[in-house]
Amino acid sequence: MLSRLDERSLELLNIAVDPADQGQGIGARLLRYAIDEARASGFARIELGTGTLGYRLAFCQRAGFRVEAVVKDHFLDCYDEPVIESGIQHKDQLRLGIDLRA
């Protein structure tokens, strides 16, 4: 799901694939489709937020997203329950972006 940030930028809020269907490239194709459609619609960039570790970060980086900022304590301030991945509690959020003009 994409949300408009301003005239030139979108934020990627979510891409989800049923766990039974993961590992087949479906998520990568969905992300590529979102990037291509945003570019075709004249947007200059897509931004997103994710945790500082785990498969989501690598997934986005493989698609060309780059880390641009760190939001300290995001997961501590914005979630009632701890967000745990691979036995590690998420605390900070990474903000990533991709330039669609390239």
N, C-alpha and C. Protein backbone atom coordinates (compact mmCIF):
# COMPACT_ATOMS: atom_id res chain seq x y z
N MET A 1 0.85 -1.18 0.00
CA MET A 1 0.00 0.00 0.00
C MET A 1 0.89 1.24 0.00
N LEU A 2 0.59 2.17 -0.89
CA LEU A 2 1.33 3.42 -0.99
C LEU A 2 0.45 4.58 -0.56
N SER A 3 1.07 5.54 0.12
CA SER A 3 0.37 6.73 0.57
C SER A 3 1.16 7.96 0.10
N ARG A 4 0.46 8.96 -0.39
CA ARG A 4 1.12 10.17 -0.89
C ARG A 4 1.67 10.98 0.29
N LEU A 5 2.94 11.34 0.21
CA LEU A 5 3.56 12.22 1.19
C LEU A 5 3.47 13.68 0.75
N ASP A 6 3.72 13.90 -0.53
CA ASP A 6 3.63 15.23 -1.13
C ASP A 6 3.48 15.05 -2.64
N GLU A 7 3.64 16.11 -3.40
CA GLU A 7 3.42 16.06 -4.85
C GLU A 7 4.35 15.09 -5.56
N ARG A 8 5.55 14.87 -5.02
CA ARG A 8 6.56 14.09 -5.70
C ARG A 8 6.91 12.77 -5.01
N SER A 9 6.41 12.56 -3.78
CA SER A 9 6.85 11.41 -2.98
C SER A 9 5.69 10.58 -2.44
N LEU A 10 5.96 9.28 -2.35
CA LEU A 10 5.02 8.33 -1.77
C LEU A 10 5.70 7.62 -0.61
N GLU A 11 4.89 7.10 0.31
CA GLU A 11 5.42 6.24 1.36
C GLU A 11 4.84 4.84 1.17
N LEU A 12 5.71 3.86 1.16
CA LEU A 12 5.28 2.47 1.12
C LEU A 12 4.94 2.06 2.55
N LEU A 13 3.68 1.75 2.77
CA LEU A 13 3.22 1.41 4.11
C LEU A 13 3.28 -0.08 4.39
N ASN A 14 3.01 -0.90 3.34
CA ASN A 14 2.91 -2.32 3.60
C ASN A 14 2.95 -3.11 2.30
N ILE A 15 3.64 -4.23 2.35
CA ILE A 15 3.54 -5.29 1.36
C ILE A 15 3.45 -6.57 2.16
N ALA A 16 2.44 -7.38 1.89
CA ALA A 16 2.26 -8.61 2.67
C ALA A 16 2.01 -9.79 1.75
N VAL A 17 2.65 -10.89 2.07
CA VAL A 17 2.46 -12.15 1.35
C VAL A 17 2.17 -13.21 2.40
N ASP A 18 1.16 -14.01 2.17
CA ASP A 18 0.81 -15.09 3.09
C ASP A 18 2.06 -15.92 3.37
N PRO A 19 2.33 -16.24 4.64
CA PRO A 19 3.52 -17.02 4.98
C PRO A 19 3.66 -18.31 4.17
N ALA A 20 2.56 -18.93 3.81
CA ALA A 20 2.61 -20.17 3.03
C ALA A 20 3.15 -19.93 1.62
N ASP A 21 3.06 -18.70 1.14
CA ASP A 21 3.48 -18.37 -0.21
C ASP A 21 4.79 -17.57 -0.26
N GLN A 22 5.40 -17.33 0.89
CA GLN A 22 6.65 -16.56 0.91
C GLN A 22 7.80 -17.38 0.34
N GLY A 23 8.82 -16.68 -0.11
CA GLY A 23 9.99 -17.34 -0.66
C GLY A 23 9.87 -17.70 -2.13
N GLN A 24 8.81 -17.21 -2.78
CA GLN A 24 8.58 -17.51 -4.18
C GLN A 24 8.75 -16.29 -5.09
N GLY A 25 9.19 -15.17 -4.51
CA GLY A 25 9.38 -13.96 -5.29
C GLY A 25 8.15 -13.10 -5.45
N ILE A 26 7.06 -13.47 -4.79
CA ILE A 26 5.81 -12.70 -4.91
C ILE A 26 5.99 -11.29 -4.34
N GLY A 27 6.57 -11.19 -3.16
CA GLY A 27 6.80 -9.89 -2.53
C GLY A 27 7.70 -9.00 -3.38
N ALA A 28 8.75 -9.58 -3.94
CA ALA A 28 9.66 -8.82 -4.80
C ALA A 28 8.93 -8.31 -6.04
N ARG A 29 8.07 -9.12 -6.62
CA ARG A 29 7.29 -8.68 -7.79
C ARG A 29 6.30 -7.58 -7.41
N LEU A 30 5.67 -7.70 -6.24
CA LEU A 30 4.77 -6.65 -5.78
C LEU A 30 5.51 -5.33 -5.57
N LEU A 31 6.68 -5.41 -4.96
CA LEU A 31 7.47 -4.20 -4.73
C LEU A 31 7.92 -3.60 -6.06
N ARG A 32 8.38 -4.42 -6.99
CA ARG A 32 8.81 -3.91 -8.29
C ARG A 32 7.63 -3.25 -9.02
N TYR A 33 6.44 -3.86 -8.91
CA TYR A 33 5.24 -3.28 -9.53
C TYR A 33 4.94 -1.90 -8.92
N ALA A 34 5.01 -1.79 -7.60
CA ALA A 34 4.75 -0.51 -6.93
C ALA A 34 5.75 0.55 -7.37
N ILE A 35 7.02 0.18 -7.46
CA ILE A 35 8.05 1.12 -7.91
C ILE A 35 7.80 1.55 -9.35
N ASP A 36 7.52 0.60 -10.22
CA ASP A 36 7.28 0.91 -11.63
C ASP A 36 6.04 1.80 -11.82
N GLU A 37 4.98 1.51 -11.09
CA GLU A 37 3.75 2.31 -11.20
C GLU A 37 3.96 3.72 -10.66
N ALA A 38 4.69 3.84 -9.56
CA ALA A 38 4.98 5.17 -9.01
C ALA A 38 5.79 5.99 -10.00
N ARG A 39 6.80 5.36 -10.58
CA ARG A 39 7.64 6.05 -11.57
C ARG A 39 6.79 6.46 -12.79
N ALA A 40 5.97 5.56 -13.29
CA ALA A 40 5.12 5.85 -14.45
C ALA A 40 4.11 6.96 -14.16
N SER A 41 3.75 7.11 -12.89
CA SER A 41 2.79 8.14 -12.50
C SER A 41 3.47 9.49 -12.23
N GLY A 42 4.78 9.55 -12.41
CA GLY A 42 5.49 10.81 -12.27
C GLY A 42 6.05 11.11 -10.91
N PHE A 43 6.01 10.15 -9.99
CA PHE A 43 6.58 10.39 -8.67
C PHE A 43 8.10 10.26 -8.73
N ALA A 44 8.78 11.04 -7.89
CA ALA A 44 10.24 11.09 -7.91
C ALA A 44 10.88 10.15 -6.90
N ARG A 45 10.12 9.77 -5.86
CA ARG A 45 10.72 8.93 -4.83
C ARG A 45 9.67 8.17 -4.03
N ILE A 46 10.14 7.09 -3.41
CA ILE A 46 9.33 6.33 -2.46
C ILE A 46 10.15 6.23 -1.18
N GLU A 47 9.49 6.42 -0.05
CA GLU A 47 10.12 6.28 1.25
C GLU A 47 9.40 5.18 2.02
N LEU A 48 10.08 4.64 3.03
CA LEU A 48 9.45 3.66 3.92
C LEU A 48 10.19 3.62 5.24
N GLY A 49 9.55 3.05 6.23
CA GLY A 49 10.18 2.84 7.52
C GLY A 49 10.20 1.37 7.86
N THR A 50 11.30 0.91 8.47
CA THR A 50 11.40 -0.49 8.88
C THR A 50 12.32 -0.59 10.08
N GLY A 51 12.40 -1.78 10.62
CA GLY A 51 13.28 -2.01 11.76
C GLY A 51 14.74 -2.01 11.34
N THR A 52 15.61 -2.09 12.32
CA THR A 52 17.05 -2.00 12.06
C THR A 52 17.69 -3.34 11.77
N LEU A 53 16.90 -4.41 11.74
CA LEU A 53 17.43 -5.74 11.47
C LEU A 53 16.36 -6.58 10.81
N GLY A 54 16.77 -7.70 10.29
CA GLY A 54 15.81 -8.68 9.79
C GLY A 54 15.60 -8.66 8.29
N TYR A 55 14.73 -9.55 7.86
CA TYR A 55 14.52 -9.78 6.42
C TYR A 55 13.88 -8.58 5.73
N ARG A 56 13.06 -7.80 6.42
CA ARG A 56 12.42 -6.65 5.77
C ARG A 56 13.45 -5.64 5.28
N LEU A 57 14.46 -5.40 6.10
CA LEU A 57 15.51 -4.46 5.73
C LEU A 57 16.25 -4.96 4.49
N ALA A 58 16.68 -6.21 4.49
CA ALA A 58 17.39 -6.77 3.35
C ALA A 58 16.51 -6.80 2.11
N PHE A 59 15.23 -7.11 2.27
CA PHE A 59 14.27 -7.14 1.16
C PHE A 59 14.23 -5.78 0.47
N CYS A 60 14.13 -4.73 1.24
CA CYS A 60 14.04 -3.38 0.68
C CYS A 60 15.36 -2.94 0.06
N GLN A 61 16.46 -3.29 0.70
CA GLN A 61 17.76 -2.92 0.15
C GLN A 61 18.04 -3.64 -1.17
N ARG A 62 17.61 -4.88 -1.30
CA ARG A 62 17.78 -5.60 -2.57
C ARG A 62 17.04 -4.90 -3.71
N ALA A 63 15.95 -4.22 -3.38
CA ALA A 63 15.16 -3.52 -4.40
C ALA A 63 15.71 -2.13 -4.71
N GLY A 64 16.77 -1.72 -4.00
CA GLY A 64 17.39 -0.43 -4.29
C GLY A 64 17.15 0.65 -3.26
N PHE A 65 16.40 0.38 -2.22
CA PHE A 65 16.18 1.37 -1.17
C PHE A 65 17.46 1.54 -0.36
N ARG A 66 17.72 2.78 0.09
CA ARG A 66 18.90 3.08 0.87
C ARG A 66 18.50 3.76 2.18
N VAL A 67 19.24 3.47 3.23
CA VAL A 67 18.99 4.07 4.54
C VAL A 67 19.31 5.57 4.45
N GLU A 68 18.36 6.38 4.94
CA GLU A 68 18.52 7.84 4.90
C GLU A 68 18.47 8.48 6.28
N ALA A 69 17.83 7.80 7.24
CA ALA A 69 17.71 8.38 8.57
C ALA A 69 17.36 7.30 9.59
N VAL A 70 17.60 7.63 10.85
CA VAL A 70 17.23 6.76 11.96
C VAL A 70 16.26 7.53 12.85
N VAL A 71 15.13 6.91 13.19
CA VAL A 71 14.17 7.50 14.12
C VAL A 71 14.36 6.76 15.45
N LYS A 72 15.06 7.41 16.36
CA LYS A 72 15.37 6.79 17.65
C LYS A 72 14.09 6.49 18.43
N ASP A 73 14.06 5.31 19.02
CA ASP A 73 12.98 4.87 19.93
C ASP A 73 11.60 4.76 19.27
N HIS A 74 11.54 4.72 17.95
CA HIS A 74 10.24 4.65 17.27
C HIS A 74 9.39 3.49 17.77
N PHE A 75 9.95 2.29 17.84
CA PHE A 75 9.18 1.12 18.23
C PHE A 75 8.83 1.15 19.72
N LEU A 76 9.63 1.83 20.51
CA LEU A 76 9.31 1.98 21.93
C LEU A 76 8.19 2.99 22.15
N ASP A 77 8.20 4.06 21.36
CA ASP A 77 7.23 5.14 21.52
C ASP A 77 5.89 4.87 20.83
N CYS A 78 5.89 4.08 19.77
CA CYS A 78 4.69 3.95 18.93
C CYS A 78 3.95 2.62 19.06
N TYR A 79 4.48 1.69 19.81
CA TYR A 79 3.85 0.36 19.95
C TYR A 79 3.66 0.06 21.42
N ASP A 80 2.47 -0.45 21.76
CA ASP A 80 2.16 -0.79 23.14
C ASP A 80 2.93 -2.03 23.62
N GLU A 81 3.14 -2.96 22.70
CA GLU A 81 3.84 -4.20 23.03
C GLU A 81 5.21 -4.21 22.37
N PRO A 82 6.19 -4.85 22.96
CA PRO A 82 7.51 -4.95 22.31
C PRO A 82 7.40 -5.65 20.97
N VAL A 83 8.17 -5.18 19.99
CA VAL A 83 8.26 -5.80 18.69
C VAL A 83 9.58 -6.57 18.68
N ILE A 84 9.47 -7.90 18.64
CA ILE A 84 10.64 -8.77 18.74
C ILE A 84 10.84 -9.49 17.42
N GLU A 85 12.08 -9.52 16.94
CA GLU A 85 12.43 -10.28 15.74
C GLU A 85 13.77 -10.97 15.99
N SER A 86 13.81 -12.25 15.73
CA SER A 86 15.02 -13.04 15.95
C SER A 86 15.54 -12.89 17.38
N GLY A 87 14.62 -12.76 18.32
CA GLY A 87 14.98 -12.64 19.73
C GLY A 87 15.50 -11.28 20.14
N ILE A 88 15.43 -10.29 19.26
CA ILE A 88 15.92 -8.94 19.55
C ILE A 88 14.76 -7.96 19.46
N GLN A 89 14.65 -7.09 20.47
CA GLN A 89 13.57 -6.10 20.47
C GLN A 89 13.94 -4.94 19.55
N HIS A 90 13.02 -4.63 18.64
CA HIS A 90 13.19 -3.43 17.81
C HIS A 90 13.02 -2.20 18.68
N LYS A 91 13.89 -1.24 18.51
CA LYS A 91 13.79 0.03 19.22
C LYS A 91 13.72 1.19 18.23
N ASP A 92 14.70 1.26 17.34
CA ASP A 92 14.77 2.37 16.39
C ASP A 92 14.21 1.95 15.03
N GLN A 93 13.73 2.94 14.29
CA GLN A 93 13.24 2.71 12.94
C GLN A 93 14.25 3.29 11.95
N LEU A 94 14.49 2.57 10.87
CA LEU A 94 15.28 3.11 9.77
C LEU A 94 14.32 3.67 8.73
N ARG A 95 14.63 4.84 8.22
CA ARG A 95 13.88 5.43 7.12
C ARG A 95 14.70 5.20 5.86
N LEU A 96 14.09 4.58 4.87
CA LEU A 96 14.76 4.27 3.62
C LEU A 96 14.06 5.00 2.49
N GLY A 97 14.80 5.23 1.42
CA GLY A 97 14.21 5.87 0.26
C GLY A 97 14.84 5.35 -1.02
N ILE A 98 14.11 5.53 -2.10
CA ILE A 98 14.61 5.20 -3.43
C ILE A 98 14.25 6.34 -4.37
N ASP A 99 15.23 6.77 -5.15
CA ASP A 99 15.03 7.82 -6.14
C ASP A 99 14.52 7.17 -7.41
N LEU A 100 13.34 7.56 -7.86
CA LEU A 100 12.73 6.95 -9.04
C LEU A 100 13.18 7.60 -10.33
N ARG A 101 13.93 8.67 -10.25
CA ARG A 101 14.38 9.36 -11.46
C ARG A 101 15.61 8.69 -12.06
N ALA A 102 16.25 7.84 -11.29
CA ALA A 102 17.48 7.19 -11.77
C ALA A 102 17.17 6.08 -12.74
